[in-house]
Amino acid sequence: MTEIRTPRLLLRRWLPDDDLVPLSEIQADPAVMQRVGDGAPRSLDDTVEDIERWEEEWDDEGFGVFAVELLGSGELAGAVGLYVPEAPPRIAGHIGIQWRLGRQFWGQGYASEAAQASLEFALQDRGIDRVVAAAAPDDASSMKLLHKLGMAATGEDEGLRLYAIDLTEYEG
């Protein structure tokens, strides 16, 4: 089972019996979901499908979206990791990084800590040579995080700013 420990977090595979309700509560929050997909909150059934899809990606690709658990409390903070975006066209089919954390976990550095661990996992452990991301131009917190990860702006597509980092640019 793939796990990554950071100073404050455990990034692990999904445990549907334990993670479904807390993740569903996170994804039901309009503020959390406003920049994910179509921006709509996700239902319990949608969350079941998300966990199933993420676990299939793990099995098929050897990477995926991690469940992010706080080491101190065991509480599920959200989802961070790797996926293959379907849009926008310039990054579709590449390996991307994404995150979504419960609102109560914002502003504490958890997204940055988990995203950095996921990026290191992609580039150093899995041998992925390039990771991409997209952010809305008015999403200052996501763009700040992408810059913190060392990702460089590569242009725009469908109203989103695109970012990427290559293995040769990654400094860990």
N, C-alpha and C. Protein backbone atom coordinates (compact mmCIF):
# COMPACT_ATOMS: atom_id res chain seq x y z
N MET A 1 0.85 -1.19 0.00
CA MET A 1 0.00 0.00 0.00
C MET A 1 0.89 1.24 0.00
N THR A 2 0.61 2.15 -0.89
CA THR A 2 1.41 3.36 -1.03
C THR A 2 1.01 4.37 0.04
N GLU A 3 1.99 4.78 0.83
CA GLU A 3 1.78 5.81 1.85
C GLU A 3 2.97 6.75 1.85
N ILE A 4 2.68 8.01 2.13
CA ILE A 4 3.72 9.02 2.30
C ILE A 4 3.44 9.74 3.61
N ARG A 5 4.45 9.84 4.43
CA ARG A 5 4.34 10.62 5.67
C ARG A 5 5.12 11.92 5.51
N THR A 6 4.47 12.99 5.90
CA THR A 6 5.12 14.29 5.96
C THR A 6 5.15 14.64 7.45
N PRO A 7 5.71 15.78 7.83
CA PRO A 7 5.73 16.10 9.26
C PRO A 7 4.35 16.10 9.93
N ARG A 8 3.29 16.45 9.18
CA ARG A 8 1.97 16.54 9.82
C ARG A 8 0.90 15.68 9.17
N LEU A 9 1.22 15.04 8.05
CA LEU A 9 0.18 14.37 7.26
C LEU A 9 0.56 12.95 6.89
N LEU A 10 -0.47 12.15 6.67
CA LEU A 10 -0.33 10.83 6.07
C LEU A 10 -1.10 10.87 4.76
N LEU A 11 -0.40 10.64 3.66
CA LEU A 11 -1.04 10.53 2.34
C LEU A 11 -1.12 9.04 2.06
N ARG A 12 -2.33 8.56 1.81
CA ARG A 12 -2.55 7.12 1.69
C ARG A 12 -3.64 6.83 0.68
N ARG A 13 -3.79 5.55 0.37
CA ARG A 13 -4.88 5.10 -0.49
C ARG A 13 -6.20 5.27 0.27
N TRP A 14 -7.28 5.18 -0.47
CA TRP A 14 -8.61 5.42 0.09
C TRP A 14 -9.15 4.20 0.82
N LEU A 15 -9.82 4.45 1.93
CA LEU A 15 -10.53 3.44 2.70
C LEU A 15 -12.00 3.82 2.65
N PRO A 16 -12.74 3.32 1.66
CA PRO A 16 -14.12 3.80 1.45
C PRO A 16 -14.99 3.76 2.70
N ASP A 17 -14.86 2.73 3.51
CA ASP A 17 -15.70 2.65 4.72
C ASP A 17 -15.40 3.78 5.69
N ASP A 18 -14.16 4.21 5.74
CA ASP A 18 -13.76 5.27 6.67
C ASP A 18 -13.82 6.66 6.05
N ASP A 19 -13.53 6.76 4.76
CA ASP A 19 -13.32 8.05 4.12
C ASP A 19 -14.54 8.62 3.40
N LEU A 20 -15.52 7.79 3.10
CA LEU A 20 -16.65 8.23 2.28
C LEU A 20 -17.40 9.40 2.90
N VAL A 21 -17.82 9.27 4.14
CA VAL A 21 -18.63 10.33 4.75
C VAL A 21 -17.82 11.62 4.93
N PRO A 22 -16.59 11.56 5.49
CA PRO A 22 -15.85 12.83 5.62
C PRO A 22 -15.55 13.49 4.27
N LEU A 23 -15.19 12.69 3.24
CA LEU A 23 -14.92 13.30 1.94
C LEU A 23 -16.20 13.85 1.34
N SER A 24 -17.31 13.16 1.53
CA SER A 24 -18.59 13.65 1.01
C SER A 24 -18.94 15.00 1.65
N GLU A 25 -18.67 15.15 2.93
CA GLU A 25 -18.93 16.42 3.60
C GLU A 25 -18.04 17.53 3.04
N ILE A 26 -16.78 17.21 2.77
CA ILE A 26 -15.86 18.19 2.18
C ILE A 26 -16.36 18.60 0.80
N GLN A 27 -16.74 17.60 -0.03
CA GLN A 27 -17.13 17.87 -1.40
C GLN A 27 -18.54 18.45 -1.52
N ALA A 28 -19.31 18.44 -0.46
CA ALA A 28 -20.63 19.06 -0.45
C ALA A 28 -20.55 20.56 -0.21
N ASP A 29 -19.37 21.05 0.18
CA ASP A 29 -19.17 22.46 0.49
C ASP A 29 -18.93 23.24 -0.82
N PRO A 30 -19.83 24.17 -1.16
CA PRO A 30 -19.66 24.94 -2.40
C PRO A 30 -18.34 25.71 -2.47
N ALA A 31 -17.84 26.17 -1.33
CA ALA A 31 -16.57 26.92 -1.34
C ALA A 31 -15.40 26.01 -1.71
N VAL A 32 -15.43 24.78 -1.26
CA VAL A 32 -14.36 23.83 -1.59
C VAL A 32 -14.40 23.48 -3.07
N MET A 33 -15.60 23.28 -3.59
CA MET A 33 -15.75 22.75 -4.95
C MET A 33 -15.82 23.82 -6.03
N GLN A 34 -15.82 25.10 -5.66
CA GLN A 34 -16.04 26.15 -6.65
C GLN A 34 -15.04 26.13 -7.80
N ARG A 35 -13.86 25.59 -7.61
CA ARG A 35 -12.85 25.58 -8.67
C ARG A 35 -12.50 24.16 -9.13
N VAL A 36 -13.34 23.21 -8.77
CA VAL A 36 -13.13 21.81 -9.16
C VAL A 36 -14.20 21.44 -10.19
N GLY A 37 -13.75 20.96 -11.34
CA GLY A 37 -14.70 20.54 -12.38
C GLY A 37 -15.62 21.67 -12.76
N ASP A 38 -16.93 21.41 -12.72
CA ASP A 38 -17.92 22.43 -13.09
C ASP A 38 -18.26 23.36 -11.93
N GLY A 39 -17.60 23.16 -10.78
CA GLY A 39 -17.80 24.04 -9.64
C GLY A 39 -18.96 23.66 -8.74
N ALA A 40 -19.70 22.61 -9.10
CA ALA A 40 -20.85 22.21 -8.31
C ALA A 40 -20.43 21.31 -7.14
N PRO A 41 -21.10 21.46 -5.99
CA PRO A 41 -20.87 20.53 -4.90
C PRO A 41 -21.19 19.10 -5.35
N ARG A 42 -20.55 18.13 -4.72
CA ARG A 42 -20.71 16.72 -5.09
C ARG A 42 -21.58 16.02 -4.05
N SER A 43 -22.42 15.13 -4.52
CA SER A 43 -23.30 14.35 -3.65
C SER A 43 -22.54 13.15 -3.06
N LEU A 44 -23.19 12.44 -2.17
CA LEU A 44 -22.62 11.21 -1.62
C LEU A 44 -22.34 10.21 -2.74
N ASP A 45 -23.28 10.06 -3.67
CA ASP A 45 -23.09 9.14 -4.80
C ASP A 45 -21.92 9.59 -5.68
N ASP A 46 -21.80 10.89 -5.91
CA ASP A 46 -20.67 11.41 -6.68
C ASP A 46 -19.34 11.09 -5.99
N THR A 47 -19.34 11.20 -4.67
CA THR A 47 -18.13 10.94 -3.90
C THR A 47 -17.76 9.46 -3.96
N VAL A 48 -18.76 8.58 -3.94
CA VAL A 48 -18.50 7.15 -4.12
C VAL A 48 -17.79 6.95 -5.45
N GLU A 49 -18.30 7.58 -6.51
CA GLU A 49 -17.71 7.45 -7.84
C GLU A 49 -16.29 8.02 -7.88
N ASP A 50 -16.06 9.15 -7.19
CA ASP A 50 -14.73 9.74 -7.15
C ASP A 50 -13.73 8.77 -6.52
N ILE A 51 -14.07 8.23 -5.36
CA ILE A 51 -13.16 7.30 -4.68
C ILE A 51 -12.91 6.08 -5.55
N GLU A 52 -13.94 5.55 -6.16
CA GLU A 52 -13.77 4.38 -7.04
C GLU A 52 -12.84 4.71 -8.21
N ARG A 53 -13.04 5.88 -8.83
CA ARG A 53 -12.21 6.30 -9.96
C ARG A 53 -10.76 6.48 -9.53
N TRP A 54 -10.55 7.12 -8.38
CA TRP A 54 -9.19 7.34 -7.90
C TRP A 54 -8.49 6.01 -7.60
N GLU A 55 -9.22 5.09 -7.00
CA GLU A 55 -8.62 3.78 -6.71
C GLU A 55 -8.31 3.01 -7.99
N GLU A 56 -9.17 3.13 -9.00
CA GLU A 56 -8.89 2.50 -10.30
C GLU A 56 -7.63 3.09 -10.92
N GLU A 57 -7.45 4.42 -10.82
CA GLU A 57 -6.25 5.05 -11.34
C GLU A 57 -5.01 4.51 -10.63
N TRP A 58 -5.11 4.34 -9.31
CA TRP A 58 -3.98 3.76 -8.58
C TRP A 58 -3.64 2.38 -9.14
N ASP A 59 -4.67 1.56 -9.31
CA ASP A 59 -4.45 0.19 -9.79
C ASP A 59 -3.93 0.16 -11.22
N ASP A 60 -4.46 1.03 -12.08
CA ASP A 60 -4.10 1.03 -13.50
C ASP A 60 -2.81 1.78 -13.79
N GLU A 61 -2.59 2.91 -13.12
CA GLU A 61 -1.49 3.81 -13.47
C GLU A 61 -0.31 3.78 -12.49
N GLY A 62 -0.56 3.29 -11.27
CA GLY A 62 0.50 3.32 -10.27
C GLY A 62 0.63 4.67 -9.57
N PHE A 63 -0.32 5.54 -9.81
CA PHE A 63 -0.39 6.83 -9.13
C PHE A 63 -1.85 7.22 -9.05
N GLY A 64 -2.14 8.23 -8.23
CA GLY A 64 -3.51 8.68 -8.11
C GLY A 64 -3.64 9.78 -7.08
N VAL A 65 -4.87 10.02 -6.69
CA VAL A 65 -5.20 11.02 -5.69
C VAL A 65 -5.16 10.34 -4.33
N PHE A 66 -4.40 10.93 -3.42
CA PHE A 66 -4.27 10.41 -2.06
C PHE A 66 -5.38 10.92 -1.15
N ALA A 67 -5.77 10.11 -0.19
CA ALA A 67 -6.52 10.59 0.97
C ALA A 67 -5.50 11.28 1.87
N VAL A 68 -5.82 12.46 2.36
CA VAL A 68 -4.91 13.22 3.21
C VAL A 68 -5.45 13.20 4.63
N GLU A 69 -4.68 12.58 5.50
CA GLU A 69 -5.09 12.39 6.90
C GLU A 69 -4.14 13.16 7.81
N LEU A 70 -4.69 13.83 8.81
CA LEU A 70 -3.86 14.52 9.79
C LEU A 70 -3.24 13.49 10.72
N LEU A 71 -1.93 13.52 10.87
CA LEU A 71 -1.26 12.54 11.73
C LEU A 71 -1.70 12.67 13.19
N GLY A 72 -1.88 13.87 13.66
CA GLY A 72 -2.22 14.07 15.06
C GLY A 72 -3.57 13.52 15.46
N SER A 73 -4.57 13.66 14.59
CA SER A 73 -5.95 13.30 14.95
C SER A 73 -6.52 12.15 14.14
N GLY A 74 -5.91 11.82 13.00
CA GLY A 74 -6.48 10.80 12.12
C GLY A 74 -7.64 11.31 11.29
N GLU A 75 -7.90 12.60 11.37
CA GLU A 75 -9.01 13.22 10.64
C GLU A 75 -8.68 13.33 9.15
N LEU A 76 -9.67 13.06 8.30
CA LEU A 76 -9.49 13.23 6.86
C LEU A 76 -9.57 14.72 6.54
N ALA A 77 -8.49 15.25 5.95
CA ALA A 77 -8.44 16.67 5.61
C ALA A 77 -8.86 16.93 4.18
N GLY A 78 -8.75 15.90 3.31
CA GLY A 78 -9.12 16.10 1.92
C GLY A 78 -8.44 15.13 0.99
N ALA A 79 -8.25 15.59 -0.25
CA ALA A 79 -7.71 14.76 -1.33
C ALA A 79 -6.67 15.56 -2.09
N VAL A 80 -5.49 14.97 -2.26
CA VAL A 80 -4.41 15.63 -2.99
C VAL A 80 -3.67 14.56 -3.78
N GLY A 81 -3.31 14.87 -5.01
CA GLY A 81 -2.50 13.91 -5.74
C GLY A 81 -2.54 14.08 -7.23
N LEU A 82 -2.28 12.99 -7.91
CA LEU A 82 -2.07 12.98 -9.35
C LEU A 82 -3.28 12.41 -10.07
N TYR A 83 -3.53 12.94 -11.26
CA TYR A 83 -4.64 12.48 -12.09
C TYR A 83 -4.30 12.82 -13.54
N VAL A 84 -5.12 12.33 -14.45
CA VAL A 84 -4.95 12.64 -15.86
C VAL A 84 -6.13 13.53 -16.27
N PRO A 85 -5.88 14.84 -16.45
CA PRO A 85 -6.98 15.76 -16.78
C PRO A 85 -7.54 15.51 -18.18
N GLU A 86 -8.84 15.75 -18.30
CA GLU A 86 -9.51 15.65 -19.60
C GLU A 86 -9.60 17.00 -20.29
N ALA A 87 -9.37 18.07 -19.55
CA ALA A 87 -9.42 19.43 -20.08
C ALA A 87 -8.59 20.32 -19.16
N PRO A 88 -8.17 21.47 -19.64
CA PRO A 88 -8.31 22.00 -21.00
C PRO A 88 -7.42 21.24 -21.98
N PRO A 89 -7.66 21.42 -23.27
CA PRO A 89 -6.99 20.62 -24.30
C PRO A 89 -5.46 20.58 -24.22
N ARG A 90 -4.82 21.70 -23.87
CA ARG A 90 -3.35 21.72 -23.88
C ARG A 90 -2.72 20.84 -22.81
N ILE A 91 -3.48 20.48 -21.77
CA ILE A 91 -2.92 19.58 -20.75
C ILE A 91 -3.67 18.24 -20.68
N ALA A 92 -4.72 18.10 -21.45
CA ALA A 92 -5.48 16.84 -21.44
C ALA A 92 -4.56 15.67 -21.78
N GLY A 93 -4.70 14.62 -21.01
CA GLY A 93 -3.91 13.42 -21.24
C GLY A 93 -2.54 13.41 -20.58
N HIS A 94 -2.12 14.55 -20.04
CA HIS A 94 -0.86 14.62 -19.30
C HIS A 94 -1.14 14.27 -17.84
N ILE A 95 -0.11 14.23 -17.04
CA ILE A 95 -0.30 13.94 -15.62
C ILE A 95 -0.35 15.26 -14.87
N GLY A 96 -1.47 15.47 -14.16
CA GLY A 96 -1.68 16.70 -13.43
C GLY A 96 -1.69 16.50 -11.94
N ILE A 97 -1.60 17.60 -11.21
CA ILE A 97 -1.70 17.58 -9.76
C ILE A 97 -2.93 18.38 -9.35
N GLN A 98 -3.63 17.90 -8.34
CA GLN A 98 -4.83 18.57 -7.86
C GLN A 98 -4.91 18.45 -6.34
N TRP A 99 -5.76 19.31 -5.76
CA TRP A 99 -5.99 19.25 -4.33
C TRP A 99 -7.35 19.81 -4.02
N ARG A 100 -7.91 19.31 -2.95
CA ARG A 100 -9.12 19.87 -2.34
C ARG A 100 -9.11 19.47 -0.88
N LEU A 101 -9.18 20.47 -0.03
CA LEU A 101 -9.18 20.25 1.41
C LEU A 101 -10.43 20.87 2.01
N GLY A 102 -10.89 20.28 3.10
CA GLY A 102 -12.00 20.86 3.83
C GLY A 102 -11.66 22.28 4.25
N ARG A 103 -12.66 23.13 4.25
CA ARG A 103 -12.43 24.55 4.53
C ARG A 103 -11.75 24.79 5.87
N GLN A 104 -12.04 23.93 6.85
CA GLN A 104 -11.43 24.11 8.18
C GLN A 104 -9.92 23.86 8.16
N PHE A 105 -9.40 23.32 7.05
CA PHE A 105 -7.97 23.04 6.94
C PHE A 105 -7.23 24.04 6.06
N TRP A 106 -7.94 25.03 5.54
CA TRP A 106 -7.32 26.04 4.70
C TRP A 106 -6.42 26.95 5.54
N GLY A 107 -5.39 27.49 4.89
CA GLY A 107 -4.54 28.49 5.52
C GLY A 107 -3.58 27.95 6.55
N GLN A 108 -3.39 26.63 6.59
CA GLN A 108 -2.50 26.03 7.58
C GLN A 108 -1.29 25.34 6.95
N GLY A 109 -1.18 25.46 5.62
CA GLY A 109 -0.04 24.87 4.93
C GLY A 109 -0.21 23.40 4.58
N TYR A 110 -1.38 22.83 4.85
CA TYR A 110 -1.59 21.40 4.56
C TYR A 110 -1.59 21.13 3.05
N ALA A 111 -2.24 21.99 2.27
CA ALA A 111 -2.28 21.77 0.82
C ALA A 111 -0.87 21.80 0.25
N SER A 112 -0.08 22.75 0.67
CA SER A 112 1.29 22.87 0.20
C SER A 112 2.12 21.64 0.59
N GLU A 113 1.99 21.22 1.82
CA GLU A 113 2.74 20.06 2.32
C GLU A 113 2.36 18.79 1.56
N ALA A 114 1.08 18.58 1.35
CA ALA A 114 0.62 17.39 0.64
C ALA A 114 0.96 17.45 -0.84
N ALA A 115 0.80 18.62 -1.45
CA ALA A 115 1.11 18.77 -2.88
C ALA A 115 2.61 18.58 -3.13
N GLN A 116 3.44 19.11 -2.25
CA GLN A 116 4.89 18.93 -2.41
C GLN A 116 5.25 17.45 -2.32
N ALA A 117 4.66 16.73 -1.38
CA ALA A 117 4.92 15.29 -1.25
C ALA A 117 4.42 14.54 -2.48
N SER A 118 3.29 14.93 -3.02
CA SER A 118 2.75 14.28 -4.21
C SER A 118 3.62 14.54 -5.43
N LEU A 119 4.11 15.77 -5.55
CA LEU A 119 4.98 16.11 -6.67
C LEU A 119 6.30 15.33 -6.58
N GLU A 120 6.87 15.26 -5.41
CA GLU A 120 8.10 14.49 -5.22
C GLU A 120 7.86 13.01 -5.55
N PHE A 121 6.72 12.47 -5.11
CA PHE A 121 6.34 11.10 -5.42
C PHE A 121 6.29 10.89 -6.94
N ALA A 122 5.67 11.84 -7.65
CA ALA A 122 5.54 11.72 -9.10
C ALA A 122 6.90 11.73 -9.79
N LEU A 123 7.70 12.72 -9.47
CA LEU A 123 8.93 12.96 -10.21
C LEU A 123 10.09 12.06 -9.78
N GLN A 124 10.14 11.72 -8.50
CA GLN A 124 11.27 10.93 -8.02
C GLN A 124 10.95 9.46 -7.82
N ASP A 125 9.77 9.15 -7.33
CA ASP A 125 9.43 7.75 -7.06
C ASP A 125 8.86 7.06 -8.30
N ARG A 126 7.96 7.73 -9.00
CA ARG A 126 7.29 7.11 -10.14
C ARG A 126 7.97 7.39 -11.48
N GLY A 127 8.97 8.24 -11.50
CA GLY A 127 9.70 8.50 -12.73
C GLY A 127 8.91 9.26 -13.78
N ILE A 128 7.89 9.97 -13.35
CA ILE A 128 7.12 10.81 -14.26
C ILE A 128 7.99 12.01 -14.60
N ASP A 129 8.09 12.36 -15.87
CA ASP A 129 9.04 13.41 -16.25
C ASP A 129 8.44 14.81 -16.32
N ARG A 130 7.10 14.92 -16.23
CA ARG A 130 6.47 16.25 -16.30
C ARG A 130 5.11 16.18 -15.60
N VAL A 131 4.83 17.18 -14.80
CA VAL A 131 3.54 17.30 -14.11
C VAL A 131 2.96 18.66 -14.46
N VAL A 132 1.66 18.69 -14.75
CA VAL A 132 0.97 19.91 -15.16
C VAL A 132 -0.12 20.29 -14.16
N ALA A 133 -0.61 21.51 -14.29
CA ALA A 133 -1.71 21.98 -13.46
C ALA A 133 -2.39 23.14 -14.18
N ALA A 134 -3.60 23.44 -13.75
CA ALA A 134 -4.35 24.58 -14.28
C ALA A 134 -5.00 25.31 -13.11
N ALA A 135 -5.07 26.63 -13.22
CA ALA A 135 -5.70 27.44 -12.18
C ALA A 135 -6.44 28.61 -12.84
N ALA A 136 -7.55 28.98 -12.24
CA ALA A 136 -8.28 30.15 -12.71
C ALA A 136 -7.45 31.40 -12.43
N PRO A 137 -7.45 32.38 -13.33
CA PRO A 137 -6.64 33.59 -13.14
C PRO A 137 -6.94 34.35 -11.85
N ASP A 138 -8.14 34.20 -11.31
CA ASP A 138 -8.48 34.90 -10.07
C ASP A 138 -8.29 34.03 -8.83
N ASP A 139 -7.69 32.85 -8.98
CA ASP A 139 -7.47 31.93 -7.86
C ASP A 139 -6.04 32.13 -7.33
N ALA A 140 -5.86 33.22 -6.60
CA ALA A 140 -4.53 33.59 -6.13
C ALA A 140 -3.91 32.53 -5.23
N SER A 141 -4.70 31.87 -4.39
CA SER A 141 -4.12 30.88 -3.48
C SER A 141 -3.57 29.67 -4.25
N SER A 142 -4.27 29.22 -5.29
CA SER A 142 -3.77 28.10 -6.08
C SER A 142 -2.51 28.49 -6.85
N MET A 143 -2.51 29.69 -7.42
CA MET A 143 -1.33 30.12 -8.17
C MET A 143 -0.13 30.27 -7.24
N LYS A 144 -0.37 30.75 -6.03
CA LYS A 144 0.71 30.86 -5.05
C LYS A 144 1.27 29.48 -4.72
N LEU A 145 0.39 28.51 -4.55
CA LEU A 145 0.83 27.15 -4.26
C LEU A 145 1.61 26.56 -5.44
N LEU A 146 1.14 26.79 -6.66
CA LEU A 146 1.84 26.27 -7.83
C LEU A 146 3.24 26.87 -7.95
N HIS A 147 3.38 28.15 -7.66
CA HIS A 147 4.70 28.79 -7.68
C HIS A 147 5.58 28.21 -6.57
N LYS A 148 4.99 27.97 -5.41
CA LYS A 148 5.72 27.39 -4.29
C LYS A 148 6.26 26.00 -4.65
N LEU A 149 5.51 25.27 -5.47
CA LEU A 149 5.94 23.94 -5.91
C LEU A 149 7.03 24.02 -6.97
N GLY A 150 7.31 25.22 -7.47
CA GLY A 150 8.31 25.38 -8.51
C GLY A 150 7.76 25.23 -9.91
N MET A 151 6.45 25.21 -10.03
CA MET A 151 5.82 25.05 -11.35
C MET A 151 5.82 26.41 -12.06
N ALA A 152 6.11 26.37 -13.34
CA ALA A 152 6.18 27.60 -14.13
C ALA A 152 4.94 27.74 -15.01
N ALA A 153 4.50 28.99 -15.17
CA ALA A 153 3.38 29.26 -16.07
C ALA A 153 3.80 28.92 -17.50
N THR A 154 2.89 28.24 -18.22
CA THR A 154 3.20 27.81 -19.59
C THR A 154 2.20 28.37 -20.61
N GLY A 155 1.28 29.21 -20.16
CA GLY A 155 0.31 29.79 -21.08
C GLY A 155 -1.09 29.70 -20.52
N GLU A 156 -2.06 29.88 -21.40
CA GLU A 156 -3.47 29.82 -21.01
C GLU A 156 -4.23 28.96 -22.00
N ASP A 157 -5.33 28.39 -21.52
CA ASP A 157 -6.21 27.58 -22.36
C ASP A 157 -7.57 27.56 -21.70
N GLU A 158 -8.60 27.84 -22.48
CA GLU A 158 -9.98 27.86 -22.00
C GLU A 158 -10.14 28.70 -20.73
N GLY A 159 -9.45 29.84 -20.70
CA GLY A 159 -9.58 30.77 -19.58
C GLY A 159 -8.83 30.36 -18.33
N LEU A 160 -8.03 29.32 -18.39
CA LEU A 160 -7.24 28.87 -17.24
C LEU A 160 -5.77 29.13 -17.49
N ARG A 161 -5.04 29.43 -16.43
CA ARG A 161 -3.59 29.55 -16.53
C ARG A 161 -3.01 28.15 -16.35
N LEU A 162 -2.08 27.81 -17.22
CA LEU A 162 -1.47 26.48 -17.20
C LEU A 162 -0.08 26.56 -16.59
N TYR A 163 0.28 25.49 -15.89
CA TYR A 163 1.57 25.40 -15.22
C TYR A 163 2.16 24.03 -15.48
N ALA A 164 3.48 23.94 -15.38
CA ALA A 164 4.15 22.65 -15.53
C ALA A 164 5.50 22.69 -14.82
N ILE A 165 5.97 21.51 -14.50
CA ILE A 165 7.33 21.33 -14.00
C ILE A 165 7.85 20.03 -14.57
N ASP A 166 9.10 20.08 -15.06
CA ASP A 166 9.77 18.90 -15.58
C ASP A 166 10.71 18.36 -14.51
N LEU A 167 11.02 17.10 -14.62
CA LEU A 167 11.94 16.46 -13.69
C LEU A 167 13.26 17.23 -13.63
N THR A 168 13.73 17.74 -14.77
CA THR A 168 15.00 18.46 -14.79
C THR A 168 14.92 19.79 -14.05
N GLU A 169 13.71 20.34 -13.86
CA GLU A 169 13.52 21.61 -13.15
C GLU A 169 13.24 21.41 -11.67
N TYR A 170 12.89 20.19 -11.28
CA TYR A 170 12.47 19.93 -9.91
C TYR A 170 13.67 19.92 -8.97
N GLU A 171 13.55 20.63 -7.88
CA GLU A 171 14.64 20.72 -6.92
C GLU A 171 14.34 20.04 -5.60
N GLY A 172 13.14 19.50 -5.45
CA GLY A 172 12.78 18.81 -4.21
C GLY A 172 12.62 19.71 -3.11
